[in-house]
Amino acid sequence: TAGLDPISAAEFDRLILTEEIVDFRGDPIAARGFVLSPESIADAAARAAAVPRLPLADTPLAADVAVPLGEHGYRHLFPEGGVRDAVRRALLAIRLPEALFEELLALRRAASPIHGHAVATAAVAVRMLLSIVGEARGVPELAAAALLHDLGMRHLPPRLSRLRDRLGHDEALRVAAHPLLGAYHLARVMGEHPAVSA
């Protein structure tokens, strides 16, 4: 989990980590005292090594794609047949480094509702993209950005994702930091990608 001190509460784009953040293996991503900012994210993206990517279809997460496509609340967006099949194809074509699929699996184990939200967000994003641009080549890349949009939640205490009451000030700051935490994590693993800059 990540502790943080906002450098500027008004802008909330620069944070000092008060504890180390780690990946699913426990390997460090950023050390205590690190300044997390758009500049540090861009620097991490520029320094990231190219790593092989595999399609979501070849991972244990492939089965999760069907869930939002068949849920009652989303059924009107994904009618049987062509649209649903096109959304499924785009989602299964998402290509990510294995480490990010492992992070998503860790998120599924630790915070299933957040993982479900991520998959549903990716499905809805693909549905909108298909309506606008059709089955363009870049749709899976943008779908990956939607799928990974809450990765930073992995670096927060699990209890924060389960709270039903109003968050205190410090808790709200921690939740508000998740986009920066996620973007930095993604930049270190993927380099330049729509998921990093989104």
N, C-alpha and C. Protein backbone atom coordinates (compact mmCIF):
# COMPACT_ATOMS: atom_id res chain seq x y z
N THR A 1 0.84 -1.19 0.00
CA THR A 1 0.00 0.00 0.00
C THR A 1 0.88 1.23 0.00
N ALA A 2 0.36 2.32 -0.48
CA ALA A 2 1.15 3.54 -0.61
C ALA A 2 0.65 4.61 0.34
N GLY A 3 1.56 5.13 1.11
CA GLY A 3 1.28 6.34 1.86
C GLY A 3 1.83 7.49 1.05
N LEU A 4 1.31 8.68 1.27
CA LEU A 4 1.74 9.80 0.46
C LEU A 4 1.50 11.11 1.16
N ASP A 5 2.25 12.10 0.75
CA ASP A 5 2.04 13.47 1.18
C ASP A 5 1.88 14.30 -0.07
N PRO A 6 0.72 14.99 -0.22
CA PRO A 6 0.59 15.84 -1.39
C PRO A 6 1.53 17.04 -1.25
N ILE A 7 2.23 17.35 -2.32
CA ILE A 7 3.09 18.53 -2.32
C ILE A 7 2.22 19.76 -2.54
N SER A 8 1.23 19.63 -3.37
CA SER A 8 0.32 20.72 -3.66
C SER A 8 -1.09 20.17 -3.66
N ALA A 9 -1.84 20.44 -2.61
CA ALA A 9 -3.21 19.94 -2.53
C ALA A 9 -4.08 20.58 -3.60
N ALA A 10 -3.76 21.80 -4.00
CA ALA A 10 -4.56 22.49 -5.00
C ALA A 10 -4.45 21.81 -6.37
N GLU A 11 -3.24 21.39 -6.72
CA GLU A 11 -3.04 20.78 -8.03
C GLU A 11 -3.10 19.25 -7.95
N PHE A 12 -2.66 18.68 -6.86
CA PHE A 12 -2.66 17.24 -6.63
C PHE A 12 -2.03 16.47 -7.78
N ASP A 13 -0.95 17.01 -8.32
CA ASP A 13 -0.26 16.28 -9.37
C ASP A 13 1.16 15.90 -8.96
N ARG A 14 1.53 16.17 -7.73
CA ARG A 14 2.84 15.81 -7.21
C ARG A 14 2.66 15.27 -5.80
N LEU A 15 3.22 14.08 -5.58
CA LEU A 15 3.11 13.43 -4.28
C LEU A 15 4.46 12.93 -3.84
N ILE A 16 4.68 12.93 -2.54
CA ILE A 16 5.87 12.30 -1.97
C ILE A 16 5.39 11.02 -1.30
N LEU A 17 5.95 9.90 -1.72
CA LEU A 17 5.57 8.62 -1.12
C LEU A 17 6.11 8.53 0.30
N THR A 18 5.25 8.18 1.23
CA THR A 18 5.68 8.01 2.62
C THR A 18 5.98 6.55 2.94
N GLU A 19 5.72 5.69 1.97
CA GLU A 19 6.11 4.28 2.08
C GLU A 19 6.36 3.75 0.68
N GLU A 20 7.10 2.69 0.60
CA GLU A 20 7.44 2.06 -0.67
C GLU A 20 6.19 1.49 -1.32
N ILE A 21 6.12 1.53 -2.66
CA ILE A 21 5.07 0.79 -3.36
C ILE A 21 5.74 -0.38 -4.09
N VAL A 22 5.02 -1.50 -4.11
CA VAL A 22 5.59 -2.74 -4.65
C VAL A 22 4.62 -3.35 -5.66
N ASP A 23 5.18 -4.25 -6.48
CA ASP A 23 4.34 -4.95 -7.45
C ASP A 23 3.77 -6.22 -6.81
N PHE A 24 3.09 -7.03 -7.61
CA PHE A 24 2.42 -8.23 -7.10
C PHE A 24 3.40 -9.22 -6.47
N ARG A 25 4.69 -9.17 -6.87
CA ARG A 25 5.69 -10.07 -6.30
C ARG A 25 6.32 -9.52 -5.03
N GLY A 26 6.04 -8.24 -4.74
CA GLY A 26 6.68 -7.58 -3.62
C GLY A 26 7.94 -6.83 -4.02
N ASP A 27 8.24 -6.80 -5.32
CA ASP A 27 9.40 -6.05 -5.80
C ASP A 27 9.09 -4.56 -5.81
N PRO A 28 10.06 -3.73 -5.43
CA PRO A 28 9.80 -2.29 -5.34
C PRO A 28 9.51 -1.65 -6.71
N ILE A 29 8.54 -0.75 -6.69
CA ILE A 29 8.22 0.08 -7.86
C ILE A 29 8.75 1.49 -7.62
N ALA A 30 8.53 1.98 -6.41
CA ALA A 30 9.03 3.32 -6.04
C ALA A 30 9.31 3.32 -4.54
N ALA A 31 10.38 3.99 -4.15
CA ALA A 31 10.82 3.99 -2.76
C ALA A 31 10.16 5.11 -1.96
N ARG A 32 10.18 4.94 -0.66
CA ARG A 32 9.72 5.98 0.25
C ARG A 32 10.51 7.25 -0.06
N GLY A 33 9.82 8.39 -0.11
CA GLY A 33 10.46 9.67 -0.40
C GLY A 33 10.47 10.04 -1.87
N PHE A 34 10.09 9.10 -2.73
CA PHE A 34 10.05 9.35 -4.17
C PHE A 34 8.97 10.39 -4.47
N VAL A 35 9.29 11.32 -5.37
CA VAL A 35 8.32 12.32 -5.80
C VAL A 35 7.62 11.80 -7.05
N LEU A 36 6.36 11.56 -6.91
CA LEU A 36 5.53 11.06 -8.00
C LEU A 36 4.88 12.25 -8.69
N SER A 37 5.14 12.40 -9.98
CA SER A 37 4.66 13.57 -10.72
C SER A 37 4.53 13.22 -12.20
N PRO A 38 3.89 14.07 -12.98
CA PRO A 38 3.86 13.82 -14.43
C PRO A 38 5.26 13.67 -15.02
N GLU A 39 6.22 14.42 -14.49
CA GLU A 39 7.59 14.33 -14.99
C GLU A 39 8.23 12.99 -14.65
N SER A 40 8.00 12.50 -13.43
CA SER A 40 8.60 11.21 -13.06
C SER A 40 7.92 10.07 -13.83
N ILE A 41 6.64 10.24 -14.15
CA ILE A 41 5.94 9.24 -14.96
C ILE A 41 6.51 9.22 -16.38
N ALA A 42 6.69 10.41 -16.97
CA ALA A 42 7.26 10.49 -18.32
C ALA A 42 8.68 9.93 -18.34
N ASP A 43 9.47 10.21 -17.30
CA ASP A 43 10.84 9.68 -17.22
C ASP A 43 10.83 8.16 -17.13
N ALA A 44 9.95 7.62 -16.31
CA ALA A 44 9.85 6.16 -16.19
C ALA A 44 9.45 5.54 -17.53
N ALA A 45 8.52 6.16 -18.22
CA ALA A 45 8.08 5.64 -19.53
C ALA A 45 9.23 5.66 -20.52
N ALA A 46 10.02 6.72 -20.50
CA ALA A 46 11.14 6.83 -21.44
C ALA A 46 12.23 5.80 -21.15
N ARG A 47 12.38 5.40 -19.88
CA ARG A 47 13.44 4.46 -19.50
C ARG A 47 13.00 3.01 -19.50
N ALA A 48 11.70 2.75 -19.68
CA ALA A 48 11.20 1.37 -19.61
C ALA A 48 11.74 0.54 -20.76
N ALA A 49 12.16 -0.65 -20.42
CA ALA A 49 12.63 -1.60 -21.44
C ALA A 49 11.43 -2.22 -22.15
N ALA A 50 11.61 -2.52 -23.41
CA ALA A 50 10.56 -3.22 -24.15
C ALA A 50 10.44 -4.64 -23.61
N VAL A 51 9.22 -5.06 -23.37
CA VAL A 51 8.98 -6.42 -22.88
C VAL A 51 7.93 -7.08 -23.77
N PRO A 52 8.01 -8.39 -23.91
CA PRO A 52 7.01 -9.09 -24.74
C PRO A 52 5.61 -8.92 -24.15
N ARG A 53 4.65 -8.91 -25.03
CA ARG A 53 3.25 -8.81 -24.62
C ARG A 53 2.49 -10.02 -25.12
N LEU A 54 1.53 -10.44 -24.35
CA LEU A 54 0.70 -11.55 -24.78
C LEU A 54 -0.76 -11.10 -24.78
N PRO A 55 -1.59 -11.74 -25.59
CA PRO A 55 -2.99 -11.34 -25.65
C PRO A 55 -3.76 -11.79 -24.41
N LEU A 56 -4.72 -11.00 -24.03
CA LEU A 56 -5.57 -11.33 -22.90
C LEU A 56 -6.22 -12.70 -23.11
N ALA A 57 -6.49 -13.04 -24.37
CA ALA A 57 -7.11 -14.33 -24.69
C ALA A 57 -6.29 -15.51 -24.17
N ASP A 58 -4.99 -15.34 -23.99
CA ASP A 58 -4.11 -16.42 -23.54
C ASP A 58 -3.85 -16.40 -22.04
N THR A 59 -4.69 -15.69 -21.28
CA THR A 59 -4.49 -15.56 -19.84
C THR A 59 -5.72 -16.05 -19.09
N PRO A 60 -5.59 -16.26 -17.78
CA PRO A 60 -6.76 -16.65 -16.98
C PRO A 60 -7.84 -15.57 -16.94
N LEU A 61 -7.50 -14.34 -17.33
CA LEU A 61 -8.49 -13.26 -17.31
C LEU A 61 -9.45 -13.33 -18.49
N ALA A 62 -9.18 -14.19 -19.47
CA ALA A 62 -10.04 -14.27 -20.66
C ALA A 62 -11.50 -14.56 -20.28
N ALA A 63 -11.71 -15.39 -19.29
CA ALA A 63 -13.08 -15.74 -18.88
C ALA A 63 -13.83 -14.54 -18.30
N ASP A 64 -13.09 -13.57 -17.76
CA ASP A 64 -13.73 -12.40 -17.14
C ASP A 64 -14.41 -11.51 -18.17
N VAL A 65 -14.00 -11.59 -19.42
CA VAL A 65 -14.56 -10.75 -20.48
C VAL A 65 -16.06 -10.98 -20.64
N ALA A 66 -16.50 -12.20 -20.48
CA ALA A 66 -17.91 -12.52 -20.68
C ALA A 66 -18.82 -11.93 -19.61
N VAL A 67 -18.28 -11.64 -18.44
CA VAL A 67 -19.12 -11.20 -17.32
C VAL A 67 -19.90 -9.92 -17.63
N PRO A 68 -19.23 -8.79 -17.96
CA PRO A 68 -20.04 -7.59 -18.21
C PRO A 68 -20.89 -7.70 -19.46
N LEU A 69 -20.46 -8.50 -20.43
CA LEU A 69 -21.22 -8.62 -21.67
C LEU A 69 -22.58 -9.26 -21.45
N GLY A 70 -22.71 -10.06 -20.39
CA GLY A 70 -23.97 -10.73 -20.12
C GLY A 70 -24.73 -10.18 -18.93
N GLU A 71 -24.15 -9.22 -18.19
CA GLU A 71 -24.83 -8.68 -17.01
C GLU A 71 -26.08 -7.90 -17.40
N HIS A 72 -27.08 -8.02 -16.57
CA HIS A 72 -28.38 -7.38 -16.84
C HIS A 72 -28.22 -5.87 -17.09
N GLY A 73 -27.46 -5.19 -16.26
CA GLY A 73 -27.31 -3.74 -16.37
C GLY A 73 -26.63 -3.28 -17.65
N TYR A 74 -25.90 -4.17 -18.30
CA TYR A 74 -25.16 -3.81 -19.52
C TYR A 74 -25.76 -4.44 -20.78
N ARG A 75 -26.75 -5.28 -20.60
CA ARG A 75 -27.27 -6.05 -21.73
C ARG A 75 -27.69 -5.18 -22.92
N HIS A 76 -28.24 -4.01 -22.64
CA HIS A 76 -28.66 -3.13 -23.74
C HIS A 76 -27.49 -2.61 -24.57
N LEU A 77 -26.29 -2.56 -23.98
CA LEU A 77 -25.11 -2.12 -24.71
C LEU A 77 -24.50 -3.22 -25.57
N PHE A 78 -24.73 -4.46 -25.16
CA PHE A 78 -24.09 -5.59 -25.81
C PHE A 78 -25.12 -6.61 -26.29
N PRO A 79 -25.91 -6.23 -27.29
CA PRO A 79 -26.91 -7.20 -27.77
C PRO A 79 -26.21 -8.42 -28.35
N GLU A 80 -26.91 -9.53 -28.31
CA GLU A 80 -26.37 -10.79 -28.86
C GLU A 80 -25.93 -10.56 -30.30
N GLY A 81 -24.90 -11.27 -30.69
CA GLY A 81 -24.48 -11.23 -32.09
C GLY A 81 -23.32 -10.30 -32.34
N GLY A 82 -23.42 -9.54 -33.42
CA GLY A 82 -22.29 -8.77 -33.93
C GLY A 82 -21.61 -7.84 -32.95
N VAL A 83 -22.38 -7.01 -32.24
CA VAL A 83 -21.77 -6.04 -31.32
C VAL A 83 -21.05 -6.77 -30.19
N ARG A 84 -21.73 -7.70 -29.57
CA ARG A 84 -21.12 -8.43 -28.44
C ARG A 84 -19.87 -9.17 -28.91
N ASP A 85 -19.93 -9.79 -30.07
CA ASP A 85 -18.76 -10.50 -30.60
C ASP A 85 -17.61 -9.56 -30.89
N ALA A 86 -17.90 -8.38 -31.42
CA ALA A 86 -16.85 -7.40 -31.73
C ALA A 86 -16.19 -6.88 -30.45
N VAL A 87 -17.00 -6.63 -29.42
CA VAL A 87 -16.44 -6.18 -28.14
C VAL A 87 -15.58 -7.29 -27.55
N ARG A 88 -16.06 -8.52 -27.56
CA ARG A 88 -15.28 -9.64 -27.03
C ARG A 88 -13.95 -9.78 -27.78
N ARG A 89 -13.99 -9.70 -29.11
CA ARG A 89 -12.75 -9.82 -29.90
C ARG A 89 -11.75 -8.73 -29.52
N ALA A 90 -12.23 -7.49 -29.39
CA ALA A 90 -11.33 -6.38 -29.05
C ALA A 90 -10.72 -6.57 -27.67
N LEU A 91 -11.53 -7.00 -26.71
CA LEU A 91 -11.01 -7.20 -25.36
C LEU A 91 -10.00 -8.34 -25.30
N LEU A 92 -10.31 -9.42 -25.98
CA LEU A 92 -9.39 -10.57 -25.99
C LEU A 92 -8.10 -10.26 -26.74
N ALA A 93 -8.13 -9.24 -27.61
CA ALA A 93 -6.93 -8.85 -28.37
C ALA A 93 -6.02 -7.89 -27.61
N ILE A 94 -6.44 -7.45 -26.41
CA ILE A 94 -5.58 -6.58 -25.60
C ILE A 94 -4.26 -7.32 -25.37
N ARG A 95 -3.16 -6.61 -25.63
CA ARG A 95 -1.83 -7.20 -25.45
C ARG A 95 -1.09 -6.42 -24.37
N LEU A 96 -0.69 -7.16 -23.34
CA LEU A 96 0.00 -6.56 -22.20
C LEU A 96 1.16 -7.46 -21.79
N PRO A 97 2.14 -6.86 -21.09
CA PRO A 97 3.18 -7.70 -20.50
C PRO A 97 2.56 -8.64 -19.46
N GLU A 98 3.13 -9.81 -19.33
CA GLU A 98 2.62 -10.80 -18.37
C GLU A 98 2.52 -10.22 -16.97
N ALA A 99 3.47 -9.37 -16.59
CA ALA A 99 3.45 -8.78 -15.25
C ALA A 99 2.18 -7.98 -15.00
N LEU A 100 1.64 -7.32 -16.02
CA LEU A 100 0.41 -6.55 -15.81
C LEU A 100 -0.80 -7.47 -15.71
N PHE A 101 -0.79 -8.57 -16.43
CA PHE A 101 -1.87 -9.54 -16.23
C PHE A 101 -1.81 -10.10 -14.81
N GLU A 102 -0.61 -10.32 -14.30
CA GLU A 102 -0.46 -10.78 -12.91
C GLU A 102 -0.98 -9.74 -11.93
N GLU A 103 -0.73 -8.46 -12.22
CA GLU A 103 -1.26 -7.39 -11.36
C GLU A 103 -2.79 -7.40 -11.37
N LEU A 104 -3.37 -7.59 -12.56
CA LEU A 104 -4.83 -7.65 -12.65
C LEU A 104 -5.40 -8.86 -11.92
N LEU A 105 -4.69 -9.98 -11.99
CA LEU A 105 -5.12 -11.16 -11.22
C LEU A 105 -5.03 -10.89 -9.72
N ALA A 106 -3.98 -10.19 -9.29
CA ALA A 106 -3.84 -9.84 -7.87
C ALA A 106 -4.97 -8.89 -7.46
N LEU A 107 -5.33 -7.97 -8.35
CA LEU A 107 -6.45 -7.07 -8.06
C LEU A 107 -7.75 -7.86 -7.95
N ARG A 108 -7.94 -8.83 -8.84
CA ARG A 108 -9.15 -9.66 -8.80
C ARG A 108 -9.24 -10.39 -7.46
N ARG A 109 -8.10 -10.92 -6.98
CA ARG A 109 -8.11 -11.64 -5.69
C ARG A 109 -8.35 -10.70 -4.51
N ALA A 110 -7.73 -9.54 -4.53
CA ALA A 110 -7.79 -8.63 -3.39
C ALA A 110 -9.03 -7.74 -3.38
N ALA A 111 -9.50 -7.37 -4.56
CA ALA A 111 -10.61 -6.41 -4.65
C ALA A 111 -11.45 -6.74 -5.87
N SER A 112 -12.19 -7.81 -5.78
CA SER A 112 -12.97 -8.29 -6.92
C SER A 112 -13.90 -7.22 -7.51
N PRO A 113 -14.57 -6.40 -6.70
CA PRO A 113 -15.43 -5.38 -7.30
C PRO A 113 -14.66 -4.36 -8.16
N ILE A 114 -13.45 -4.01 -7.74
CA ILE A 114 -12.66 -3.07 -8.54
C ILE A 114 -12.22 -3.73 -9.83
N HIS A 115 -11.84 -4.98 -9.76
CA HIS A 115 -11.48 -5.72 -10.97
C HIS A 115 -12.68 -5.81 -11.92
N GLY A 116 -13.85 -6.14 -11.38
CA GLY A 116 -15.05 -6.21 -12.21
C GLY A 116 -15.37 -4.88 -12.85
N HIS A 117 -15.17 -3.81 -12.09
CA HIS A 117 -15.38 -2.46 -12.63
C HIS A 117 -14.41 -2.18 -13.78
N ALA A 118 -13.17 -2.61 -13.63
CA ALA A 118 -12.17 -2.39 -14.69
C ALA A 118 -12.55 -3.12 -15.97
N VAL A 119 -12.99 -4.36 -15.85
CA VAL A 119 -13.39 -5.13 -17.04
C VAL A 119 -14.63 -4.52 -17.67
N ALA A 120 -15.60 -4.12 -16.85
CA ALA A 120 -16.81 -3.49 -17.38
C ALA A 120 -16.48 -2.16 -18.06
N THR A 121 -15.58 -1.38 -17.47
CA THR A 121 -15.18 -0.11 -18.07
C THR A 121 -14.53 -0.34 -19.42
N ALA A 122 -13.68 -1.35 -19.50
CA ALA A 122 -13.04 -1.67 -20.79
C ALA A 122 -14.08 -2.08 -21.82
N ALA A 123 -15.06 -2.88 -21.41
CA ALA A 123 -16.10 -3.33 -22.35
C ALA A 123 -16.94 -2.15 -22.85
N VAL A 124 -17.33 -1.26 -21.95
CA VAL A 124 -18.12 -0.09 -22.34
C VAL A 124 -17.29 0.83 -23.23
N ALA A 125 -16.01 1.02 -22.90
CA ALA A 125 -15.13 1.85 -23.73
C ALA A 125 -15.03 1.29 -25.14
N VAL A 126 -14.87 -0.03 -25.25
CA VAL A 126 -14.79 -0.66 -26.56
C VAL A 126 -16.10 -0.46 -27.31
N ARG A 127 -17.22 -0.62 -26.61
CA ARG A 127 -18.52 -0.44 -27.26
C ARG A 127 -18.63 0.98 -27.84
N MET A 128 -18.21 1.97 -27.08
CA MET A 128 -18.26 3.36 -27.57
C MET A 128 -17.30 3.56 -28.74
N LEU A 129 -16.10 3.01 -28.62
CA LEU A 129 -15.12 3.14 -29.70
C LEU A 129 -15.62 2.48 -30.99
N LEU A 130 -16.23 1.32 -30.87
CA LEU A 130 -16.75 0.64 -32.05
C LEU A 130 -17.83 1.47 -32.73
N SER A 131 -18.62 2.17 -31.93
CA SER A 131 -19.66 3.04 -32.49
C SER A 131 -19.07 4.22 -33.24
N ILE A 132 -17.90 4.67 -32.81
CA ILE A 132 -17.29 5.87 -33.39
C ILE A 132 -16.34 5.52 -34.53
N VAL A 133 -15.44 4.56 -34.31
CA VAL A 133 -14.39 4.29 -35.29
C VAL A 133 -14.47 2.90 -35.91
N GLY A 134 -15.41 2.10 -35.47
CA GLY A 134 -15.49 0.73 -35.99
C GLY A 134 -14.35 -0.11 -35.43
N GLU A 135 -14.06 -1.19 -36.09
CA GLU A 135 -13.02 -2.10 -35.60
C GLU A 135 -11.64 -1.64 -36.05
N ALA A 136 -11.27 -0.44 -35.65
CA ALA A 136 -9.95 0.13 -35.99
C ALA A 136 -8.85 -0.65 -35.27
N ARG A 137 -7.68 -0.62 -35.85
CA ARG A 137 -6.55 -1.39 -35.31
C ARG A 137 -6.18 -0.97 -33.89
N GLY A 138 -6.35 0.28 -33.52
CA GLY A 138 -5.94 0.76 -32.20
C GLY A 138 -6.94 0.52 -31.08
N VAL A 139 -8.10 -0.04 -31.38
CA VAL A 139 -9.12 -0.25 -30.34
C VAL A 139 -8.60 -1.10 -29.18
N PRO A 140 -7.91 -2.21 -29.41
CA PRO A 140 -7.41 -2.98 -28.25
C PRO A 140 -6.43 -2.19 -27.37
N GLU A 141 -5.63 -1.31 -27.96
CA GLU A 141 -4.71 -0.50 -27.15
C GLU A 141 -5.50 0.43 -26.22
N LEU A 142 -6.55 1.05 -26.76
CA LEU A 142 -7.38 1.92 -25.94
C LEU A 142 -8.18 1.11 -24.92
N ALA A 143 -8.59 -0.08 -25.31
CA ALA A 143 -9.27 -0.97 -24.36
C ALA A 143 -8.34 -1.33 -23.20
N ALA A 144 -7.06 -1.51 -23.49
CA ALA A 144 -6.09 -1.80 -22.43
C ALA A 144 -6.02 -0.64 -21.44
N ALA A 145 -6.06 0.59 -21.96
CA ALA A 145 -6.04 1.77 -21.07
C ALA A 145 -7.25 1.74 -20.15
N ALA A 146 -8.42 1.42 -20.69
CA ALA A 146 -9.63 1.36 -19.86
C ALA A 146 -9.53 0.23 -18.84
N LEU A 147 -9.01 -0.91 -19.24
CA LEU A 147 -8.87 -2.05 -18.33
C LEU A 147 -7.94 -1.73 -17.17
N LEU A 148 -6.90 -0.95 -17.44
CA LEU A 148 -5.87 -0.67 -16.44
C LEU A 148 -6.11 0.63 -15.67
N HIS A 149 -7.22 1.31 -15.92
CA HIS A 149 -7.41 2.64 -15.37
C HIS A 149 -7.39 2.69 -13.84
N ASP A 150 -7.70 1.63 -13.17
CA ASP A 150 -7.69 1.63 -11.70
C ASP A 150 -6.55 0.81 -11.11
N LEU A 151 -5.51 0.55 -11.88
CA LEU A 151 -4.40 -0.25 -11.36
C LEU A 151 -3.80 0.37 -10.09
N GLY A 152 -3.81 1.68 -10.00
CA GLY A 152 -3.27 2.35 -8.81
C GLY A 152 -4.01 1.98 -7.53
N MET A 153 -5.23 1.47 -7.64
CA MET A 153 -5.96 1.04 -6.45
C MET A 153 -5.26 -0.15 -5.78
N ARG A 154 -4.43 -0.88 -6.53
CA ARG A 154 -3.67 -1.99 -5.94
C ARG A 154 -2.70 -1.50 -4.87
N HIS A 155 -2.35 -0.23 -4.91
CA HIS A 155 -1.35 0.30 -4.00
C HIS A 155 -1.97 1.02 -2.80
N LEU A 156 -3.27 0.84 -2.62
CA LEU A 156 -3.97 1.42 -1.48
C LEU A 156 -4.36 0.32 -0.51
N PRO A 157 -4.56 0.67 0.75
CA PRO A 157 -5.02 -0.35 1.69
C PRO A 157 -6.35 -0.94 1.22
N PRO A 158 -6.49 -2.26 1.24
CA PRO A 158 -7.73 -2.89 0.76
C PRO A 158 -8.99 -2.36 1.42
N ARG A 159 -8.89 -1.96 2.67
CA ARG A 159 -10.09 -1.48 3.37
C ARG A 159 -10.68 -0.24 2.70
N LEU A 160 -9.85 0.54 2.00
CA LEU A 160 -10.37 1.76 1.36
C LEU A 160 -11.31 1.43 0.21
N SER A 161 -11.12 0.30 -0.43
CA SER A 161 -12.02 -0.07 -1.53
C SER A 161 -13.32 -0.66 -1.01
N ARG A 162 -13.37 -0.98 0.28
CA ARG A 162 -14.57 -1.59 0.84
C ARG A 162 -15.38 -0.62 1.70
N LEU A 163 -14.85 0.56 1.95
CA LEU A 163 -15.56 1.50 2.82
C LEU A 163 -16.87 1.95 2.20
N ARG A 164 -17.89 1.95 3.01
CA ARG A 164 -19.20 2.43 2.56
C ARG A 164 -19.50 3.80 3.18
N ASP A 165 -18.75 4.15 4.22
CA ASP A 165 -18.95 5.44 4.87
C ASP A 165 -18.11 6.50 4.18
N ARG A 166 -18.33 7.71 4.59
CA ARG A 166 -17.57 8.82 4.06
C ARG A 166 -16.09 8.67 4.42
N LEU A 167 -15.23 8.96 3.46
CA LEU A 167 -13.79 8.87 3.70
C LEU A 167 -13.32 10.08 4.51
N GLY A 168 -12.37 9.83 5.40
CA GLY A 168 -11.72 10.93 6.08
C GLY A 168 -10.77 11.64 5.12
N HIS A 169 -10.23 12.78 5.53
CA HIS A 169 -9.36 13.57 4.66
C HIS A 169 -8.16 12.77 4.15
N ASP A 170 -7.44 12.10 5.06
CA ASP A 170 -6.26 11.33 4.64
C ASP A 170 -6.64 10.17 3.73
N GLU A 171 -7.76 9.52 4.04
CA GLU A 171 -8.22 8.41 3.18
C GLU A 171 -8.60 8.91 1.80
N ALA A 172 -9.27 10.05 1.75
CA ALA A 172 -9.66 10.63 0.45
C ALA A 172 -8.43 10.99 -0.37
N LEU A 173 -7.41 11.52 0.28
CA LEU A 173 -6.16 11.84 -0.45
C LEU A 173 -5.53 10.58 -1.02
N ARG A 174 -5.55 9.51 -0.26
CA ARG A 174 -4.95 8.26 -0.74
C ARG A 174 -5.71 7.72 -1.95
N VAL A 175 -7.03 7.75 -1.89
CA VAL A 175 -7.82 7.28 -3.03
C VAL A 175 -7.61 8.20 -4.23
N ALA A 176 -7.56 9.49 -4.01
CA ALA A 176 -7.37 10.44 -5.10
C ALA A 176 -6.01 10.27 -5.77
N ALA A 177 -5.05 9.67 -5.07
CA ALA A 177 -3.71 9.47 -5.64
C ALA A 177 -3.62 8.27 -6.56
N HIS A 178 -4.65 7.41 -6.61
CA HIS A 178 -4.51 6.17 -7.35
C HIS A 178 -4.22 6.37 -8.84
N PRO A 179 -4.71 7.41 -9.52
CA PRO A 179 -4.33 7.56 -10.93
C PRO A 179 -2.82 7.79 -11.12
N LEU A 180 -2.22 8.60 -10.25
CA LEU A 180 -0.77 8.82 -10.36
C LEU A 180 0.00 7.55 -10.03
N LEU A 181 -0.41 6.85 -9.00
CA LEU A 181 0.26 5.59 -8.64
C LEU A 181 0.18 4.59 -9.78
N GLY A 182 -1.01 4.46 -10.35
CA GLY A 182 -1.18 3.53 -11.47
C GLY A 182 -0.40 3.94 -12.70
N ALA A 183 -0.42 5.22 -13.02
CA ALA A 183 0.31 5.70 -14.22
C ALA A 183 1.80 5.45 -14.07
N TYR A 184 2.34 5.69 -12.88
CA TYR A 184 3.77 5.44 -12.68
C TYR A 184 4.09 3.94 -12.80
N HIS A 185 3.27 3.13 -12.18
CA HIS A 185 3.46 1.68 -12.26
C HIS A 185 3.42 1.22 -13.71
N LEU A 186 2.41 1.67 -14.46
CA LEU A 186 2.30 1.30 -15.87
C LEU A 186 3.48 1.80 -16.69
N ALA A 187 3.92 3.03 -16.43
CA ALA A 187 5.04 3.60 -17.18
C ALA A 187 6.30 2.76 -16.98
N ARG A 188 6.53 2.30 -15.77
CA ARG A 188 7.72 1.48 -15.51
C ARG A 188 7.67 0.16 -16.27
N VAL A 189 6.47 -0.40 -16.43
CA VAL A 189 6.34 -1.70 -17.08
C VAL A 189 6.19 -1.58 -18.60
N MET A 190 5.40 -0.61 -19.05
CA MET A 190 5.02 -0.55 -20.46
C MET A 190 5.70 0.53 -21.28
N GLY A 191 6.28 1.52 -20.62
CA GLY A 191 6.81 2.64 -21.39
C GLY A 191 5.67 3.49 -21.93
N GLU A 192 5.85 4.03 -23.11
CA GLU A 192 4.82 4.86 -23.73
C GLU A 192 3.65 3.98 -24.16
N HIS A 193 2.45 4.34 -23.74
CA HIS A 193 1.25 3.55 -24.07
C HIS A 193 0.04 4.43 -23.72
N PRO A 194 -1.09 4.28 -24.42
CA PRO A 194 -2.27 5.06 -24.04
C PRO A 194 -2.69 4.87 -22.59
N ALA A 195 -2.40 3.71 -22.01
CA ALA A 195 -2.75 3.49 -20.60
C ALA A 195 -1.92 4.36 -19.68
N VAL A 196 -0.73 4.75 -20.09
CA VAL A 196 0.13 5.59 -19.27
C VAL A 196 -0.29 7.04 -19.39
N SER A 197 -0.62 7.47 -20.58
CA SER A 197 -0.93 8.89 -20.78
C SER A 197 -2.40 9.21 -20.57
N ALA A 198 -3.24 8.19 -20.42
CA ALA A 198 -4.69 8.45 -20.28
C ALA A 198 -5.05 9.05 -18.95
